[in-house]
């Protein structure tokens, strides 16, 4: 029996990149490329080889430019060689010229030195001769002028003695004047001391007078019984406030004294308002009362009163502050306005710190 044999089917091959079938004609014609046993069709081959072609054209272009540059450098080097050789020959010739000039200068220098030596010797000789002749002349003149010299010395001595006598007289006059001035200064010092004592006595007398005036005001003012209830107190305070704003000097003075007896923050505020009263004695009394009443309001207002026009008010305010705080901060009522302002600034700075401390304590 004959066995039927199937003809072998041709093996189909595919492109590695696009995965399309490659016919045998293309493989046999050599259009297909095999890279490491992997086939690549002609279409994919073109895609791969195209960029390499452009790269080869670029490289050719750059190599051509490089060859041109090398040719240019060779030409420039050749021309530079020729110019350098010309310049070098010129420098050589100039150097030789300089050498000749230097030799000429040396020769001229030696000739000048010889001339200088000759002139120096001649001048020295002439100077020695002149000096000797002048010495001889002086010796002759000395013998003649000795008498004149002694006469001149005597005249100078007489003039000195006369001037000395005049100076001594002037010194005596000055000493007398100085003694007179010292005596006058002593008298003035004594007078100043007496004035100081008088001022102290006057200040003591003024204090006594002020205390007497206060006693008189208290004696003349009718003593009204103090209110007991809060309502009566408020009514009484409003009455006193009216008197402070609308009353005369005596009424205002009396109202300040009554407010001291009542006491409390409102009374303290009303008394501190009288530190701006038109009458200086009411202002002074208000400063004294605030010193007795005390409190934060009193200190703040008394610091302001340290710059009052009248010294009496300033003294009262300062004494009250000293009593309440125990400090002075370099203040004195008799200081000049500038020094007073500086001391008041110190008071204000201290009070700002103290006030903040008191607030923190309360909180």
Protein backbone atom coordinates (compact mmCIF):
# COMPACT_ATOMS: atom_id res chain seq x y z
CA UNK A 1 0.00 0.00 0.00
CA UNK A 2 1.23 3.48 -0.81
CA UNK A 3 1.37 5.82 2.15
CA UNK A 4 0.10 9.33 1.43
CA UNK A 5 2.62 11.84 2.52
CA UNK A 6 1.49 15.53 3.18
CA UNK A 7 3.77 18.05 1.59
CA UNK A 8 5.75 20.13 4.20
CA UNK A 9 4.20 23.55 4.73
CA UNK A 10 6.52 26.52 4.27
CA UNK A 11 7.62 28.12 7.58
CA UNK A 12 6.14 31.58 8.04
CA UNK A 13 8.52 34.17 9.55
CA UNK A 14 7.54 37.43 11.32
CA UNK A 15 9.17 40.83 11.86
CA UNK A 16 10.43 41.38 15.38
CA UNK A 17 9.30 45.03 15.50
CA UNK A 18 5.97 45.27 13.63
CA UNK A 19 5.03 41.50 14.02
CA UNK A 20 4.00 41.25 10.35
CA UNK A 21 4.75 38.22 8.12
CA UNK A 22 7.81 38.38 5.87
CA UNK A 23 7.56 36.64 2.45
CA UNK A 24 10.40 34.32 1.33
CA UNK A 25 11.20 36.54 -1.70
CA UNK A 26 12.26 39.40 0.56
CA UNK A 27 14.38 37.02 2.68
CA UNK A 28 16.07 35.49 -0.37
CA UNK A 29 16.64 38.91 -2.02
CA UNK A 30 18.50 40.15 1.12
CA UNK A 31 16.14 43.00 1.95
CA UNK A 32 15.52 41.54 5.44
CA UNK A 33 18.04 42.10 8.26
CA UNK A 34 18.72 39.59 11.03
CA UNK A 35 20.05 40.94 14.33
CA UNK A 36 20.99 38.19 16.87
CA UNK A 37 18.68 35.69 15.04
CA UNK A 38 15.75 38.17 15.00
CA UNK A 39 14.37 39.24 11.62
CA UNK A 40 13.45 42.82 10.72
CA UNK A 41 11.35 43.65 7.63
CA UNK A 42 12.45 46.25 4.98
CA UNK A 43 9.93 48.83 6.22
CA UNK A 44 11.24 48.73 9.81
CA UNK A 45 14.80 48.67 8.42
CA UNK A 46 14.26 52.08 6.79
CA UNK A 47 12.97 53.51 10.08
CA UNK A 48 16.05 52.29 11.95
CA UNK A 49 18.67 53.35 9.38
CA UNK A 50 17.21 56.89 8.65
CA UNK A 51 18.52 58.61 11.84
CA UNK A 52 21.99 57.03 11.39
CA UNK A 53 22.18 58.53 7.89
CA UNK A 54 21.37 62.03 9.18
CA UNK A 55 24.02 61.56 11.91
CA UNK A 56 26.64 60.57 9.32
CA UNK A 57 25.85 63.70 7.23
CA UNK A 58 26.23 65.93 10.33
CA UNK A 59 29.50 64.28 11.30
CA UNK A 60 30.81 64.74 7.74
CA UNK A 61 29.83 68.44 7.87
CA UNK A 62 31.63 69.02 11.19
CA UNK A 63 34.74 67.15 10.04
CA UNK A 64 34.85 69.34 6.91
CA UNK A 65 34.66 72.50 9.08
CA UNK A 66 37.44 71.11 11.32
CA UNK A 67 39.71 70.57 8.29
CA UNK A 68 39.06 74.16 7.18
CA UNK A 69 39.95 75.47 10.66
CA UNK A 70 43.19 73.49 10.71
CA UNK A 71 44.15 74.92 7.32
CA UNK A 72 43.45 78.44 8.63
CA UNK A 73 45.59 77.84 11.72
CA UNK A 74 48.49 76.61 9.55
CA UNK A 75 48.29 79.74 7.39
CA UNK A 76 48.10 82.04 10.46
CA UNK A 77 51.10 80.25 12.06
CA UNK A 78 53.18 80.70 8.93
CA UNK A 79 52.37 84.42 8.69
CA UNK A 80 52.99 84.88 12.46
CA UNK A 81 56.45 83.32 12.12
CA UNK A 82 57.46 85.83 9.48
CA UNK A 83 56.19 88.86 11.52
CA UNK A 84 57.92 87.56 14.69
CA UNK A 85 61.26 87.23 12.90
CA UNK A 86 60.95 90.83 11.58
CA UNK A 87 60.08 92.21 15.05
CA UNK A 88 62.92 90.28 16.69
CA UNK A 89 65.47 91.81 14.30
CA UNK A 90 64.08 95.29 15.06
CA UNK A 91 64.34 94.70 18.85
CA UNK A 92 67.96 93.54 18.41
CA UNK A 93 68.90 96.71 16.57
CA UNK A 94 67.17 98.96 19.18
CA UNK A 95 69.00 97.07 21.99
CA UNK A 96 72.36 97.72 20.33
CA UNK A 97 71.48 101.42 20.02
CA UNK A 98 70.64 101.56 23.73
CA UNK A 99 73.99 99.99 24.62
CA UNK A 100 75.77 102.71 22.70
CA UNK A 101 73.74 105.44 24.44
CA UNK A 102 74.55 104.01 27.88
CA UNK A 103 78.31 104.07 27.13
CA UNK A 104 78.06 107.71 26.03
CA UNK A 105 76.21 108.60 29.25
CA UNK A 106 78.87 106.91 31.37
CA UNK A 107 81.63 108.86 29.66
CA UNK A 108 79.76 112.17 30.19
CA UNK A 109 79.20 111.25 33.89
CA UNK A 110 82.93 110.73 34.51
CA UNK A 111 83.76 114.06 32.86
CA UNK A 112 81.15 115.86 35.00
CA UNK A 113 82.51 114.32 38.20
CA UNK A 114 86.02 115.56 37.36
CA UNK A 115 84.69 119.08 36.72
CA UNK A 116 82.79 119.08 40.04
CA UNK A 117 85.91 118.09 41.96
CA UNK A 118 87.87 120.93 40.40
CA UNK A 119 85.17 123.52 41.15
CA UNK A 120 84.87 122.32 44.78
CA UNK A 121 88.61 122.64 45.35
CA UNK A 122 88.66 126.16 43.88
CA UNK A 123 85.64 127.30 45.94
CA UNK A 124 87.13 125.86 49.16
CA UNK A 125 90.33 127.79 48.61
CA UNK A 126 88.51 131.05 47.99
CA UNK A 127 86.31 130.56 51.10
CA UNK A 128 89.34 129.91 53.33
CA UNK A 129 90.98 133.09 52.11
CA UNK A 130 87.87 135.18 52.77
CA UNK A 131 87.39 133.66 56.23
CA UNK A 132 90.98 134.49 57.20
CA UNK A 133 90.62 138.09 56.01
CA UNK A 134 87.36 138.55 57.96
CA UNK A 135 88.93 137.15 61.15
CA UNK A 136 91.71 139.73 60.88
CA UNK A 137 89.14 142.52 60.49
CA UNK A 138 87.18 141.34 63.53
CA UNK A 139 90.32 141.25 65.67
CA UNK A 140 91.04 144.85 64.75
CA UNK A 141 87.45 145.93 65.48
CA UNK A 142 87.38 144.13 68.87
CA UNK A 143 90.15 146.34 70.23
CA UNK A 144 88.19 149.46 69.22
CA UNK A 145 84.68 148.30 70.30
CA UNK A 146 85.54 147.06 73.84
CA UNK A 147 84.98 150.54 75.29
CA UNK A 148 81.65 150.94 73.49
CA UNK A 149 80.53 147.51 74.71
CA UNK A 150 81.21 148.36 78.40
CA UNK A 151 79.34 151.67 78.05
CA UNK A 152 76.33 149.91 76.51
CA UNK A 153 76.22 147.34 79.35
CA UNK A 154 76.13 150.14 81.95
CA UNK A 155 73.24 151.91 80.16
CA UNK A 156 71.30 148.62 79.99
CA UNK A 157 71.84 148.04 83.71
CA UNK A 158 70.45 151.48 84.53
CA UNK A 159 67.38 150.86 82.34
CA UNK A 160 66.77 147.49 84.04
CA UNK A 161 66.91 149.07 87.50
CA UNK A 162 64.45 151.78 86.48
CA UNK A 163 62.02 149.23 85.02
CA UNK A 164 62.32 147.07 88.13
CA UNK A 165 61.33 149.99 90.35
CA UNK A 166 58.24 150.63 88.17
CA UNK A 167 57.26 146.94 88.28
CA UNK A 168 57.62 146.88 92.09
CA UNK A 169 55.33 149.90 92.39
CA UNK A 170 52.69 148.25 90.17
CA UNK A 171 52.91 145.03 92.20
CA UNK A 172 52.31 146.95 95.42
CA UNK A 173 49.24 148.61 93.92
CA UNK A 174 47.89 145.23 92.80
CA UNK A 175 48.45 143.73 96.26
CA UNK A 176 46.52 146.63 97.86
CA UNK A 177 43.64 146.14 95.41
CA UNK A 178 43.55 142.38 96.05
CA UNK A 179 43.39 142.91 99.82
CA UNK A 180 40.53 145.39 99.31
CA UNK A 181 38.67 142.90 97.11
CA UNK A 182 39.14 140.12 99.69
CA UNK A 183 37.72 142.35 102.40
CA UNK A 184 34.73 143.20 100.18
CA UNK A 185 34.15 139.48 99.48
CA UNK A 186 34.18 138.71 103.20
CA UNK A 187 31.58 141.42 103.79
CA UNK A 188 29.40 140.04 100.99
CA UNK A 189 29.65 136.53 102.41
CA UNK A 190 28.58 137.79 105.80
CA UNK A 191 25.67 139.64 104.22
CA UNK A 192 24.65 136.48 102.28
CA UNK A 193 24.79 134.43 105.50
CA UNK A 194 22.62 137.01 107.25
CA UNK A 195 20.17 136.95 104.34
CA UNK A 196 20.01 133.15 104.52
CA UNK A 197 19.24 133.28 108.22
CA UNK A 198 16.61 135.95 107.52
CA UNK A 199 15.03 133.76 104.83
CA UNK A 200 14.89 130.80 107.20
CA UNK A 201 13.21 132.98 109.80
CA UNK A 202 10.77 134.30 107.19
CA UNK A 203 9.91 130.74 106.05
CA UNK A 204 9.29 129.73 109.67
CA UNK A 205 7.12 132.79 110.20
CA UNK A 206 5.16 132.07 106.98
CA UNK A 207 4.51 128.51 108.17
CA UNK A 208 3.27 129.90 111.47
CA UNK A 209 1.09 132.43 109.65
CA UNK A 210 -0.34 129.73 107.41
CA UNK A 211 -1.19 127.55 110.40
CA UNK A 212 -2.79 130.58 112.09
CA UNK A 213 -4.81 131.33 108.93
CA UNK A 214 -5.98 127.71 108.81
CA UNK A 215 -7.02 127.89 112.47
CA UNK A 216 -8.84 131.17 111.79
CA UNK A 217 -10.70 129.64 108.83
CA UNK A 218 -11.67 126.69 110.98
CA UNK A 219 -12.75 128.97 113.84
CA UNK A 220 -14.82 131.22 111.58
CA UNK A 221 -16.44 128.35 109.65
CA UNK A 222 -19.47 126.93 111.51
CA UNK A 223 -18.93 123.32 112.52
CA UNK A 224 -21.62 121.23 110.90
CA UNK A 225 -22.18 117.67 112.04
CA UNK A 226 -20.82 115.07 109.57
CA UNK A 227 -23.40 112.94 107.71
CA UNK A 228 -23.86 109.38 108.90
CA UNK A 229 -25.86 107.64 106.15
CA UNK A 230 -24.70 107.19 102.53
CA UNK A 231 -27.53 109.35 101.14
CA UNK A 232 -26.63 112.23 103.47
CA UNK A 233 -22.96 111.79 102.52
CA UNK A 234 -23.72 112.02 98.79
CA UNK A 235 -25.88 115.15 99.28
CA UNK A 236 -23.18 116.73 101.43
CA UNK A 237 -20.51 115.95 98.80
CA UNK A 238 -22.62 117.56 96.05
CA UNK A 239 -23.03 120.69 98.22
CA UNK A 240 -19.28 120.86 98.82
CA UNK A 241 -18.61 120.36 95.09
CA UNK A 242 -20.87 123.34 94.34
CA UNK A 243 -18.97 125.42 96.87
CA UNK A 244 -15.65 124.40 95.30
CA UNK A 245 -16.83 125.44 91.82
CA UNK A 246 -18.96 128.51 92.62
CA UNK A 247 -17.98 129.72 96.11
CA UNK A 248 -15.49 132.41 97.10
CA UNK A 249 -11.96 131.81 98.42
CA UNK A 250 -13.04 131.29 102.04
CA UNK A 251 -15.82 128.86 101.06
CA UNK A 252 -13.48 126.86 98.83
CA UNK A 253 -10.84 126.72 101.56
CA UNK A 254 -13.46 125.60 104.11
CA UNK A 255 -14.84 122.97 101.68
CA UNK A 256 -11.40 121.41 101.29
CA UNK A 257 -11.11 121.05 105.09
CA UNK A 258 -14.58 119.43 105.30
CA UNK A 259 -13.73 116.99 102.50
CA UNK A 260 -10.69 115.88 104.51
CA UNK A 261 -12.99 115.00 107.43
CA UNK A 262 -15.38 113.00 105.20
CA UNK A 263 -12.60 111.08 103.41
CA UNK A 264 -13.01 108.48 100.68
CA UNK A 265 -12.00 108.37 96.99
CA UNK A 266 -14.64 110.89 95.81
CA UNK A 267 -13.59 113.41 98.47
CA UNK A 268 -9.94 112.83 97.46
CA UNK A 269 -10.81 113.55 93.80
CA UNK A 270 -12.60 116.77 94.73
CA UNK A 271 -9.65 117.93 96.86
CA UNK A 272 -7.18 117.10 94.03
CA UNK A 273 -9.26 119.25 91.65
CA UNK A 274 -8.44 122.25 93.89
CA UNK A 275 -4.75 121.94 92.99
CA UNK A 276 -5.74 123.98 89.90
CA UNK A 277 -7.60 126.62 91.97
CA UNK A 278 -6.89 130.28 91.00
CA UNK A 279 -5.99 131.12 94.62
CA UNK A 280 -2.50 129.94 95.66
CA UNK A 281 -3.49 129.43 99.33
CA UNK A 282 -6.36 127.13 98.40
CA UNK A 283 -3.94 125.17 96.16
CA UNK A 284 -1.43 124.92 98.98
CA UNK A 285 -4.07 123.78 101.49
CA UNK A 286 -5.31 121.14 98.98
CA UNK A 287 -1.72 119.80 98.64
CA UNK A 288 -1.37 119.57 102.45
CA UNK A 289 -4.77 117.81 102.79
CA UNK A 290 -3.90 115.30 100.03
CA UNK A 291 -0.73 114.44 101.93
CA UNK A 292 -2.87 113.62 104.97
CA UNK A 293 -5.56 111.74 102.98
CA UNK A 294 -3.16 109.65 100.85
CA UNK A 295 -4.16 107.26 98.08
CA UNK A 296 -3.23 106.66 94.43
CA UNK A 297 -5.16 109.73 93.19
CA UNK A 298 -3.38 111.97 95.70
CA UNK A 299 0.13 110.87 94.56
CA UNK A 300 -0.65 111.32 90.87
CA UNK A 301 -2.06 114.84 91.32
CA UNK A 302 0.67 115.93 93.75
CA UNK A 303 3.35 115.00 91.15
CA UNK A 304 1.62 117.37 88.71
CA UNK A 305 1.55 120.11 91.39
CA UNK A 306 5.37 119.98 91.67
CA UNK A 307 5.46 122.28 88.61
CA UNK A 308 3.17 124.96 90.11
CA UNK A 309 3.95 128.67 89.53
CA UNK A 310 4.13 129.46 93.25
CA UNK A 311 6.93 128.08 95.41
CA UNK A 312 4.57 127.81 98.44
CA UNK A 313 2.37 125.31 96.55
CA UNK A 314 5.42 123.39 95.28
CA UNK A 315 6.79 123.10 98.81
CA UNK A 316 3.47 121.77 100.16
CA UNK A 317 3.13 119.23 97.33
CA UNK A 318 6.73 118.04 97.78
CA UNK A 319 6.35 117.64 101.55
CA UNK A 320 3.13 115.63 101.06
CA UNK A 321 4.82 113.35 98.50
CA UNK A 322 7.79 112.83 100.83
CA UNK A 323 5.37 111.89 103.62
CA UNK A 324 3.44 109.42 101.40
CA UNK A 325 6.33 107.79 99.47
CA UNK A 326 9.50 108.54 101.45
CA UNK A 327 11.28 109.59 98.22
CA UNK A 328 12.66 112.83 96.73
CA UNK A 329 14.08 111.84 93.27
CA UNK A 330 16.45 114.83 93.42
CA UNK A 331 13.60 117.38 93.52
CA UNK A 332 13.68 120.65 95.41
CA UNK A 333 11.08 123.49 95.19
CA UNK A 334 13.82 126.12 94.76
CA UNK A 335 15.42 124.53 91.66
CA UNK A 336 15.49 126.22 88.26
CA UNK A 337 12.74 125.38 85.78
CA UNK A 338 14.94 123.02 83.71
CA UNK A 339 16.23 121.08 86.73
CA UNK A 340 12.70 120.99 88.18
CA UNK A 341 11.33 119.47 84.96
CA UNK A 342 14.01 116.75 84.96
CA UNK A 343 13.18 115.84 88.57
CA UNK A 344 9.43 115.77 87.75
CA UNK A 345 10.15 113.40 84.83
CA UNK A 346 11.94 111.09 87.28
CA UNK A 347 8.90 111.25 89.60
CA UNK A 348 6.56 110.39 86.69
CA UNK A 349 8.71 107.45 85.55
CA UNK A 350 8.85 106.05 89.08
CA UNK A 351 5.08 106.45 89.52
CA UNK A 352 4.34 104.64 86.22
CA UNK A 353 6.32 101.59 87.42
CA UNK A 354 4.78 101.74 90.90
CA UNK A 355 1.26 102.06 89.49
CA UNK A 356 1.74 98.99 87.26
CA UNK A 357 3.06 97.04 90.26
CA UNK A 358 0.02 97.99 92.36
CA UNK A 359 -2.34 96.94 89.54
CA UNK A 360 -0.64 93.54 89.21
CA UNK A 361 -0.95 93.06 92.98
CA UNK A 362 -4.68 93.82 92.85
CA UNK A 363 -5.23 91.42 89.93
